Amino acid sequence: MKNARARSPMLRHEQVFDQPHTDSYRADAKLADPARCPTCNAAYRNGRWTWQDAGADAVAHQCPACLRIHDHFPAGYLSLKGKFTPERREELLSLVRAREAHAKAEHPMQRIMAIEDVTGGILVTTTDGHLARGIGHALRDAFRGTLEINFAHDENLVRATWRSER
């Protein structure tokens, strides 16, 4: 029994360092409330970013989404694979943009950073992994195909791939 007690503090100490990596773009401490992002005008109120008015007394503070966009450092990658006709491509991108608009209305940190044509398809990068995953699910639900999602918990990163059936 004495041996178990001797190891106990060491185990607790090791567990502290084994916690998953947190998002380096999120503030470690609570921001001054209210705050306003000078780039996108999102307001930080009551511990979260919203699209509400920040008020005249708001402190200027760059939001995590604008920082990611500035640094070109996505939290989500969504690959759309397959050969798309021009009509089909516009239909897919219309759904991608509509899903972003819906998510961004409620969650200001969920934005598309870029939509690029790449070999074999389209690459969508996002400021939030939840958005990449959500768009992937919307594509699968609307156009069928297959969806593969990989989470890198230690990096706060989502990589999703949607493949069309045709």
N, C-alpha and C. Protein backbone atom coordinates (compact mmCIF):
# COMPACT_ATOMS: atom_id res chain seq x y z
N MET A 1 0.82 -1.20 0.00
CA MET A 1 0.00 0.00 0.00
C MET A 1 0.86 1.25 0.00
N LYS A 2 1.99 1.19 0.67
CA LYS A 2 2.88 2.36 0.73
C LYS A 2 3.37 2.70 -0.68
N ASN A 3 3.64 1.71 -1.49
CA ASN A 3 4.10 1.93 -2.85
C ASN A 3 3.06 2.67 -3.69
N ALA A 4 1.78 2.31 -3.52
CA ALA A 4 0.71 2.97 -4.28
C ALA A 4 0.62 4.45 -3.95
N ARG A 5 0.77 4.77 -2.68
CA ARG A 5 0.74 6.19 -2.29
C ARG A 5 1.93 6.95 -2.86
N ALA A 6 3.06 6.32 -2.91
CA ALA A 6 4.26 6.98 -3.43
C ALA A 6 4.10 7.30 -4.92
N ARG A 7 3.40 6.45 -5.66
CA ARG A 7 3.22 6.68 -7.09
C ARG A 7 2.08 7.65 -7.39
N SER A 8 1.14 7.79 -6.52
CA SER A 8 -0.04 8.59 -6.76
C SER A 8 0.25 10.04 -7.17
N PRO A 9 1.10 10.77 -6.46
CA PRO A 9 1.37 12.15 -6.88
C PRO A 9 2.00 12.22 -8.27
N MET A 10 2.84 11.26 -8.59
CA MET A 10 3.49 11.25 -9.89
C MET A 10 2.45 11.05 -10.99
N LEU A 11 1.50 10.15 -10.78
CA LEU A 11 0.46 9.92 -11.77
C LEU A 11 -0.38 11.18 -11.98
N ARG A 12 -0.74 11.84 -10.94
CA ARG A 12 -1.51 13.08 -11.07
C ARG A 12 -0.70 14.12 -11.85
N HIS A 13 0.57 14.21 -11.58
CA HIS A 13 1.44 15.15 -12.26
C HIS A 13 1.50 14.84 -13.76
N GLU A 14 1.61 13.57 -14.11
CA GLU A 14 1.68 13.19 -15.51
C GLU A 14 0.36 13.48 -16.23
N GLN A 15 -0.76 13.29 -15.56
CA GLN A 15 -2.04 13.53 -16.18
C GLN A 15 -2.24 14.99 -16.56
N VAL A 16 -1.68 15.89 -15.81
CA VAL A 16 -1.80 17.31 -16.14
C VAL A 16 -1.19 17.59 -17.50
N PHE A 17 -0.08 16.95 -17.83
CA PHE A 17 0.60 17.20 -19.09
C PHE A 17 0.02 16.40 -20.25
N ASP A 18 -0.84 15.42 -19.96
CA ASP A 18 -1.43 14.61 -21.01
C ASP A 18 -2.75 15.18 -21.52
N GLN A 19 -3.15 16.34 -21.07
CA GLN A 19 -4.40 16.92 -21.53
C GLN A 19 -4.28 17.33 -22.99
N PRO A 20 -5.39 17.27 -23.75
CA PRO A 20 -5.32 17.62 -25.16
C PRO A 20 -4.92 19.08 -25.38
N HIS A 21 -4.31 19.32 -26.51
CA HIS A 21 -3.87 20.66 -26.90
C HIS A 21 -5.09 21.57 -27.07
N THR A 22 -4.97 22.79 -26.62
CA THR A 22 -6.06 23.74 -26.79
C THR A 22 -5.78 24.61 -28.02
N ASP A 23 -6.78 25.31 -28.45
CA ASP A 23 -6.67 26.16 -29.63
C ASP A 23 -5.86 27.40 -29.30
N SER A 24 -4.75 27.59 -29.98
CA SER A 24 -3.88 28.73 -29.70
C SER A 24 -4.50 30.05 -30.15
N TYR A 25 -5.59 29.99 -30.92
CA TYR A 25 -6.26 31.21 -31.35
C TYR A 25 -7.37 31.65 -30.39
N ARG A 26 -7.62 30.87 -29.39
CA ARG A 26 -8.60 31.26 -28.36
C ARG A 26 -7.83 31.86 -27.19
N ALA A 27 -8.38 32.88 -26.60
CA ALA A 27 -7.71 33.57 -25.49
C ALA A 27 -7.61 32.66 -24.28
N ASP A 28 -6.47 32.71 -23.59
CA ASP A 28 -6.27 31.92 -22.37
C ASP A 28 -7.12 32.45 -21.23
N ALA A 29 -7.28 33.75 -21.19
CA ALA A 29 -8.06 34.38 -20.13
C ALA A 29 -9.26 35.08 -20.76
N LYS A 30 -10.23 35.39 -19.95
CA LYS A 30 -11.40 36.09 -20.43
C LYS A 30 -11.00 37.48 -20.92
N LEU A 31 -11.57 37.88 -22.05
CA LEU A 31 -11.26 39.19 -22.61
C LEU A 31 -12.02 40.28 -21.85
N ALA A 32 -11.59 41.51 -22.06
CA ALA A 32 -12.33 42.65 -21.53
C ALA A 32 -13.72 42.63 -22.16
N ASP A 33 -14.71 42.86 -21.35
CA ASP A 33 -16.09 42.78 -21.82
C ASP A 33 -16.74 44.15 -21.70
N PRO A 34 -17.21 44.75 -22.75
CA PRO A 34 -17.33 44.23 -24.10
C PRO A 34 -16.08 44.54 -24.93
N ALA A 35 -15.91 43.75 -26.00
CA ALA A 35 -14.83 43.97 -26.96
C ALA A 35 -15.44 43.89 -28.36
N ARG A 36 -14.73 44.48 -29.31
CA ARG A 36 -15.18 44.49 -30.70
C ARG A 36 -14.01 44.20 -31.60
N CYS A 37 -14.21 43.31 -32.57
CA CYS A 37 -13.16 43.03 -33.54
C CYS A 37 -13.12 44.17 -34.56
N PRO A 38 -11.97 44.82 -34.72
CA PRO A 38 -11.90 45.94 -35.66
C PRO A 38 -12.00 45.50 -37.13
N THR A 39 -11.79 44.23 -37.41
CA THR A 39 -11.84 43.75 -38.79
C THR A 39 -13.25 43.38 -39.23
N CYS A 40 -13.95 42.58 -38.42
CA CYS A 40 -15.27 42.08 -38.84
C CYS A 40 -16.43 42.67 -38.03
N ASN A 41 -16.13 43.42 -36.98
CA ASN A 41 -17.12 44.03 -36.09
C ASN A 41 -17.90 43.04 -35.23
N ALA A 42 -17.40 41.83 -35.08
CA ALA A 42 -18.03 40.90 -34.14
C ALA A 42 -17.82 41.46 -32.73
N ALA A 43 -18.77 41.18 -31.86
CA ALA A 43 -18.71 41.69 -30.49
C ALA A 43 -18.46 40.54 -29.52
N TYR A 44 -17.61 40.80 -28.54
CA TYR A 44 -17.37 39.84 -27.47
C TYR A 44 -18.16 40.31 -26.26
N ARG A 45 -19.18 39.54 -25.90
CA ARG A 45 -20.05 39.89 -24.77
C ARG A 45 -20.36 38.63 -23.98
N ASN A 46 -20.28 38.76 -22.66
CA ASN A 46 -20.62 37.65 -21.77
C ASN A 46 -19.88 36.36 -22.11
N GLY A 47 -18.61 36.50 -22.48
CA GLY A 47 -17.77 35.33 -22.70
C GLY A 47 -17.85 34.68 -24.06
N ARG A 48 -18.55 35.30 -25.03
CA ARG A 48 -18.60 34.71 -26.36
C ARG A 48 -18.71 35.78 -27.43
N TRP A 49 -18.30 35.39 -28.63
CA TRP A 49 -18.37 36.30 -29.78
C TRP A 49 -19.75 36.20 -30.41
N THR A 50 -20.35 37.36 -30.71
CA THR A 50 -21.67 37.43 -31.34
C THR A 50 -21.66 38.52 -32.39
N TRP A 51 -22.78 38.68 -33.08
CA TRP A 51 -22.93 39.77 -34.05
C TRP A 51 -23.70 40.93 -33.44
N GLN A 52 -23.96 40.91 -32.14
CA GLN A 52 -24.65 42.02 -31.49
C GLN A 52 -23.76 43.26 -31.50
N ASP A 53 -24.37 44.39 -31.23
CA ASP A 53 -23.62 45.64 -31.12
C ASP A 53 -22.76 45.60 -29.86
N ALA A 54 -21.50 45.94 -29.99
CA ALA A 54 -20.59 45.90 -28.85
C ALA A 54 -20.76 47.12 -27.94
N GLY A 55 -21.27 48.18 -28.46
CA GLY A 55 -21.42 49.40 -27.67
C GLY A 55 -20.24 50.33 -27.83
N ALA A 56 -20.43 51.56 -27.44
CA ALA A 56 -19.38 52.59 -27.61
C ALA A 56 -18.18 52.36 -26.71
N ASP A 57 -18.37 51.69 -25.58
CA ASP A 57 -17.26 51.49 -24.64
C ASP A 57 -16.46 50.22 -24.91
N ALA A 58 -16.69 49.57 -26.04
CA ALA A 58 -16.01 48.31 -26.36
C ALA A 58 -14.53 48.53 -26.64
N VAL A 59 -13.73 47.59 -26.17
CA VAL A 59 -12.29 47.58 -26.41
C VAL A 59 -12.04 46.87 -27.73
N ALA A 60 -11.12 47.38 -28.54
CA ALA A 60 -10.78 46.73 -29.81
C ALA A 60 -9.92 45.49 -29.53
N HIS A 61 -10.35 44.35 -30.06
CA HIS A 61 -9.60 43.10 -29.91
C HIS A 61 -9.91 42.21 -31.12
N GLN A 62 -8.86 41.79 -31.81
CA GLN A 62 -9.03 40.95 -32.99
C GLN A 62 -9.64 39.60 -32.60
N CYS A 63 -10.68 39.17 -33.28
CA CYS A 63 -11.34 37.90 -32.97
C CYS A 63 -10.50 36.73 -33.51
N PRO A 64 -10.70 35.52 -32.96
CA PRO A 64 -9.93 34.36 -33.41
C PRO A 64 -10.11 34.05 -34.90
N ALA A 65 -11.30 34.23 -35.44
CA ALA A 65 -11.52 33.94 -36.86
C ALA A 65 -10.70 34.90 -37.74
N CYS A 66 -10.71 36.17 -37.42
CA CYS A 66 -9.93 37.14 -38.21
C CYS A 66 -8.42 36.89 -38.07
N LEU A 67 -7.98 36.47 -36.90
CA LEU A 67 -6.57 36.13 -36.71
C LEU A 67 -6.19 34.94 -37.59
N ARG A 68 -7.03 33.92 -37.63
CA ARG A 68 -6.75 32.75 -38.47
C ARG A 68 -6.70 33.14 -39.94
N ILE A 69 -7.64 33.98 -40.36
CA ILE A 69 -7.65 34.43 -41.75
C ILE A 69 -6.38 35.22 -42.06
N HIS A 70 -6.01 36.12 -41.17
CA HIS A 70 -4.79 36.91 -41.36
C HIS A 70 -3.54 36.03 -41.44
N ASP A 71 -3.48 35.00 -40.59
CA ASP A 71 -2.31 34.11 -40.54
C ASP A 71 -2.36 32.99 -41.58
N HIS A 72 -3.45 32.89 -42.33
CA HIS A 72 -3.65 31.79 -43.28
C HIS A 72 -3.46 30.44 -42.57
N PHE A 73 -4.16 30.25 -41.45
CA PHE A 73 -4.01 29.06 -40.61
C PHE A 73 -5.38 28.45 -40.33
N PRO A 74 -5.90 27.64 -41.27
CA PRO A 74 -7.25 27.08 -41.11
C PRO A 74 -7.35 26.08 -39.95
N ALA A 75 -8.56 25.94 -39.43
CA ALA A 75 -8.86 24.92 -38.43
C ALA A 75 -9.63 23.78 -39.08
N GLY A 76 -10.09 23.98 -40.30
CA GLY A 76 -10.82 22.95 -41.02
C GLY A 76 -10.47 22.94 -42.49
N TYR A 77 -10.31 21.72 -43.02
CA TYR A 77 -10.07 21.52 -44.44
C TYR A 77 -11.17 20.58 -44.94
N LEU A 78 -11.85 20.95 -46.00
CA LEU A 78 -12.86 20.11 -46.61
C LEU A 78 -12.52 19.95 -48.08
N SER A 79 -12.25 18.72 -48.48
CA SER A 79 -11.96 18.42 -49.89
C SER A 79 -13.21 17.87 -50.54
N LEU A 80 -13.58 18.42 -51.69
CA LEU A 80 -14.68 17.91 -52.50
C LEU A 80 -14.03 17.21 -53.67
N LYS A 81 -14.18 15.90 -53.74
CA LYS A 81 -13.50 15.10 -54.76
C LYS A 81 -14.50 14.61 -55.81
N GLY A 82 -14.03 14.54 -57.04
CA GLY A 82 -14.84 14.05 -58.14
C GLY A 82 -14.73 14.99 -59.33
N LYS A 83 -15.27 14.54 -60.45
CA LYS A 83 -15.30 15.39 -61.64
C LYS A 83 -16.67 16.06 -61.67
N PHE A 84 -16.66 17.38 -61.59
CA PHE A 84 -17.92 18.12 -61.52
C PHE A 84 -18.13 18.90 -62.80
N THR A 85 -19.34 18.78 -63.37
CA THR A 85 -19.69 19.62 -64.51
C THR A 85 -19.81 21.05 -63.98
N PRO A 86 -19.72 22.04 -64.84
CA PRO A 86 -19.86 23.42 -64.36
C PRO A 86 -21.16 23.66 -63.59
N GLU A 87 -22.26 23.07 -64.06
CA GLU A 87 -23.54 23.24 -63.36
C GLU A 87 -23.49 22.58 -61.98
N ARG A 88 -22.94 21.40 -61.92
CA ARG A 88 -22.84 20.65 -60.67
C ARG A 88 -21.91 21.38 -59.69
N ARG A 89 -20.83 21.93 -60.21
CA ARG A 89 -19.87 22.67 -59.38
C ARG A 89 -20.55 23.86 -58.72
N GLU A 90 -21.30 24.64 -59.47
CA GLU A 90 -21.99 25.80 -58.91
C GLU A 90 -23.05 25.39 -57.89
N GLU A 91 -23.70 24.27 -58.13
CA GLU A 91 -24.69 23.76 -57.19
C GLU A 91 -24.02 23.36 -55.87
N LEU A 92 -22.87 22.70 -55.96
CA LEU A 92 -22.11 22.31 -54.76
C LEU A 92 -21.65 23.55 -53.99
N LEU A 93 -21.07 24.50 -54.70
CA LEU A 93 -20.56 25.71 -54.05
C LEU A 93 -21.68 26.56 -53.46
N SER A 94 -22.84 26.53 -54.09
CA SER A 94 -23.99 27.25 -53.54
C SER A 94 -24.37 26.65 -52.18
N LEU A 95 -24.37 25.32 -52.08
CA LEU A 95 -24.67 24.68 -50.80
C LEU A 95 -23.59 24.99 -49.76
N VAL A 96 -22.33 24.99 -50.18
CA VAL A 96 -21.21 25.31 -49.27
C VAL A 96 -21.39 26.71 -48.70
N ARG A 97 -21.68 27.67 -49.56
CA ARG A 97 -21.84 29.06 -49.11
C ARG A 97 -23.09 29.24 -48.24
N ALA A 98 -24.16 28.53 -48.59
CA ALA A 98 -25.40 28.63 -47.79
C ALA A 98 -25.18 28.05 -46.40
N ARG A 99 -24.46 26.95 -46.31
CA ARG A 99 -24.18 26.33 -45.00
C ARG A 99 -23.31 27.26 -44.16
N GLU A 100 -22.34 27.92 -44.80
CA GLU A 100 -21.51 28.88 -44.07
C GLU A 100 -22.36 30.04 -43.56
N ALA A 101 -23.22 30.60 -44.40
CA ALA A 101 -24.06 31.73 -44.01
C ALA A 101 -24.95 31.36 -42.83
N HIS A 102 -25.50 30.17 -42.86
CA HIS A 102 -26.35 29.70 -41.76
C HIS A 102 -25.56 29.58 -40.46
N ALA A 103 -24.37 28.95 -40.54
CA ALA A 103 -23.54 28.75 -39.34
C ALA A 103 -22.99 30.08 -38.82
N LYS A 104 -22.53 30.92 -39.72
CA LYS A 104 -21.92 32.20 -39.34
C LYS A 104 -22.92 33.15 -38.69
N ALA A 105 -24.18 33.05 -39.06
CA ALA A 105 -25.20 33.92 -38.46
C ALA A 105 -25.30 33.71 -36.96
N GLU A 106 -25.11 32.49 -36.51
CA GLU A 106 -25.20 32.18 -35.09
C GLU A 106 -23.83 32.10 -34.42
N HIS A 107 -22.82 31.72 -35.18
CA HIS A 107 -21.46 31.53 -34.65
C HIS A 107 -20.46 32.33 -35.48
N PRO A 108 -20.14 33.56 -35.07
CA PRO A 108 -19.26 34.41 -35.87
C PRO A 108 -17.87 33.84 -36.15
N MET A 109 -17.44 32.87 -35.36
CA MET A 109 -16.10 32.32 -35.56
C MET A 109 -16.08 31.22 -36.61
N GLN A 110 -17.23 30.87 -37.18
CA GLN A 110 -17.32 29.84 -38.21
C GLN A 110 -17.43 30.50 -39.57
N ARG A 111 -16.29 30.56 -40.27
CA ARG A 111 -16.25 31.23 -41.57
C ARG A 111 -15.43 30.43 -42.57
N ILE A 112 -15.74 30.63 -43.83
CA ILE A 112 -14.91 30.06 -44.89
C ILE A 112 -13.75 31.02 -45.12
N MET A 113 -12.56 30.47 -45.17
CA MET A 113 -11.37 31.27 -45.46
C MET A 113 -11.12 31.35 -46.96
N ALA A 114 -11.23 30.20 -47.63
CA ALA A 114 -10.96 30.16 -49.07
C ALA A 114 -11.66 28.97 -49.70
N ILE A 115 -11.97 29.11 -50.99
CA ILE A 115 -12.46 28.02 -51.82
C ILE A 115 -11.55 27.99 -53.04
N GLU A 116 -10.85 26.88 -53.21
CA GLU A 116 -9.84 26.79 -54.27
C GLU A 116 -10.07 25.56 -55.13
N ASP A 117 -9.83 25.73 -56.43
CA ASP A 117 -9.81 24.58 -57.32
C ASP A 117 -8.45 23.90 -57.16
N VAL A 118 -8.48 22.60 -56.93
CA VAL A 118 -7.26 21.81 -56.80
C VAL A 118 -7.39 20.60 -57.71
N THR A 119 -6.30 19.92 -57.95
CA THR A 119 -6.32 18.73 -58.78
C THR A 119 -7.31 17.72 -58.20
N GLY A 120 -8.27 17.33 -59.00
CA GLY A 120 -9.23 16.33 -58.57
C GLY A 120 -10.43 16.86 -57.81
N GLY A 121 -10.56 18.18 -57.67
CA GLY A 121 -11.72 18.69 -56.96
C GLY A 121 -11.59 20.11 -56.46
N ILE A 122 -12.16 20.33 -55.29
CA ILE A 122 -12.23 21.67 -54.69
C ILE A 122 -11.79 21.55 -53.24
N LEU A 123 -11.06 22.54 -52.75
CA LEU A 123 -10.63 22.58 -51.35
C LEU A 123 -11.25 23.81 -50.68
N VAL A 124 -11.95 23.56 -49.57
CA VAL A 124 -12.56 24.63 -48.78
C VAL A 124 -11.83 24.67 -47.45
N THR A 125 -11.30 25.82 -47.07
CA THR A 125 -10.66 25.97 -45.76
C THR A 125 -11.54 26.85 -44.88
N THR A 126 -11.59 26.50 -43.59
CA THR A 126 -12.48 27.20 -42.67
C THR A 126 -11.74 27.62 -41.40
N THR A 127 -12.32 28.58 -40.70
CA THR A 127 -11.74 29.08 -39.45
C THR A 127 -12.11 28.21 -38.26
N ASP A 128 -13.02 27.26 -38.48
CA ASP A 128 -13.49 26.42 -37.38
C ASP A 128 -13.74 25.01 -37.92
N GLY A 129 -13.28 24.01 -37.21
CA GLY A 129 -13.45 22.63 -37.64
C GLY A 129 -14.90 22.20 -37.71
N HIS A 130 -15.73 22.75 -36.84
CA HIS A 130 -17.16 22.39 -36.85
C HIS A 130 -17.81 22.77 -38.18
N LEU A 131 -17.38 23.87 -38.76
CA LEU A 131 -17.95 24.30 -40.03
C LEU A 131 -17.56 23.35 -41.15
N ALA A 132 -16.30 22.93 -41.21
CA ALA A 132 -15.86 21.99 -42.24
C ALA A 132 -16.66 20.69 -42.13
N ARG A 133 -16.83 20.20 -40.91
CA ARG A 133 -17.59 18.97 -40.67
C ARG A 133 -19.05 19.17 -41.07
N GLY A 134 -19.64 20.30 -40.68
CA GLY A 134 -21.04 20.58 -40.99
C GLY A 134 -21.31 20.68 -42.49
N ILE A 135 -20.41 21.33 -43.22
CA ILE A 135 -20.56 21.43 -44.67
C ILE A 135 -20.44 20.04 -45.29
N GLY A 136 -19.51 19.24 -44.80
CA GLY A 136 -19.35 17.88 -45.31
C GLY A 136 -20.62 17.06 -45.13
N HIS A 137 -21.23 17.15 -43.94
CA HIS A 137 -22.48 16.44 -43.69
C HIS A 137 -23.60 16.95 -44.60
N ALA A 138 -23.66 18.26 -44.82
CA ALA A 138 -24.69 18.83 -45.69
C ALA A 138 -24.52 18.33 -47.13
N LEU A 139 -23.27 18.25 -47.60
CA LEU A 139 -23.00 17.74 -48.95
C LEU A 139 -23.43 16.28 -49.07
N ARG A 140 -23.09 15.49 -48.08
CA ARG A 140 -23.46 14.07 -48.10
C ARG A 140 -24.98 13.91 -48.09
N ASP A 141 -25.65 14.69 -47.26
CA ASP A 141 -27.11 14.60 -47.17
C ASP A 141 -27.80 15.05 -48.46
N ALA A 142 -27.27 16.07 -49.10
CA ALA A 142 -27.91 16.62 -50.30
C ALA A 142 -27.52 15.88 -51.58
N PHE A 143 -26.26 15.46 -51.68
CA PHE A 143 -25.76 14.90 -52.94
C PHE A 143 -25.30 13.45 -52.82
N ARG A 144 -25.53 12.86 -51.66
CA ARG A 144 -25.06 11.50 -51.37
C ARG A 144 -23.54 11.47 -51.39
N GLY A 145 -22.94 10.45 -51.89
CA GLY A 145 -21.50 10.34 -51.87
C GLY A 145 -21.02 9.82 -50.52
N THR A 146 -19.72 9.88 -50.32
CA THR A 146 -19.13 9.41 -49.06
C THR A 146 -18.43 10.56 -48.37
N LEU A 147 -18.42 10.50 -47.05
CA LEU A 147 -17.79 11.54 -46.25
C LEU A 147 -16.84 10.88 -45.26
N GLU A 148 -15.62 11.32 -45.26
CA GLU A 148 -14.61 10.84 -44.31
C GLU A 148 -14.13 12.04 -43.50
N ILE A 149 -14.14 11.90 -42.17
CA ILE A 149 -13.73 12.99 -41.30
C ILE A 149 -12.62 12.51 -40.38
N ASN A 150 -11.54 13.28 -40.32
CA ASN A 150 -10.41 12.98 -39.44
C ASN A 150 -10.18 14.17 -38.52
N PHE A 151 -10.15 13.88 -37.22
CA PHE A 151 -9.90 14.91 -36.21
C PHE A 151 -8.47 14.78 -35.72
N ALA A 152 -7.74 15.87 -35.67
CA ALA A 152 -6.42 15.91 -35.04
C ALA A 152 -6.60 16.67 -33.73
N HIS A 153 -6.98 15.94 -32.68
CA HIS A 153 -7.32 16.58 -31.40
C HIS A 153 -6.17 17.39 -30.83
N ASP A 154 -4.94 16.94 -31.03
CA ASP A 154 -3.81 17.66 -30.47
C ASP A 154 -3.52 18.95 -31.22
N GLU A 155 -4.09 19.13 -32.39
CA GLU A 155 -3.85 20.35 -33.17
C GLU A 155 -5.11 21.18 -33.37
N ASN A 156 -6.26 20.75 -32.84
CA ASN A 156 -7.53 21.43 -33.05
C ASN A 156 -7.78 21.61 -34.55
N LEU A 157 -7.75 20.49 -35.28
CA LEU A 157 -7.84 20.51 -36.73
C LEU A 157 -8.78 19.42 -37.21
N VAL A 158 -9.60 19.74 -38.22
CA VAL A 158 -10.48 18.76 -38.84
C VAL A 158 -10.14 18.72 -40.33
N ARG A 159 -9.99 17.49 -40.83
CA ARG A 159 -9.82 17.27 -42.27
C ARG A 159 -10.97 16.37 -42.72
N ALA A 160 -11.78 16.88 -43.63
CA ALA A 160 -12.91 16.12 -44.13
C ALA A 160 -12.80 15.99 -45.64
N THR A 161 -13.23 14.85 -46.16
CA THR A 161 -13.24 14.62 -47.59
C THR A 161 -14.59 14.08 -48.01
N TRP A 162 -15.26 14.80 -48.92
CA TRP A 162 -16.51 14.33 -49.49
C TRP A 162 -16.22 13.91 -50.92
N ARG A 163 -16.67 12.69 -51.29
CA ARG A 163 -16.48 12.18 -52.65
C ARG A 163 -17.85 11.96 -53.27
N SER A 164 -18.03 12.47 -54.48
CA SER A 164 -19.29 12.30 -55.17
C SER A 164 -19.40 10.86 -55.69
N GLU A 165 -20.65 10.42 -55.86
CA GLU A 165 -20.88 9.07 -56.39
C GLU A 165 -20.77 9.06 -57.90
N ARG A 166 -20.97 10.20 -58.52
CA ARG A 166 -20.91 10.24 -59.99
C ARG A 166 -19.80 11.11 -60.46
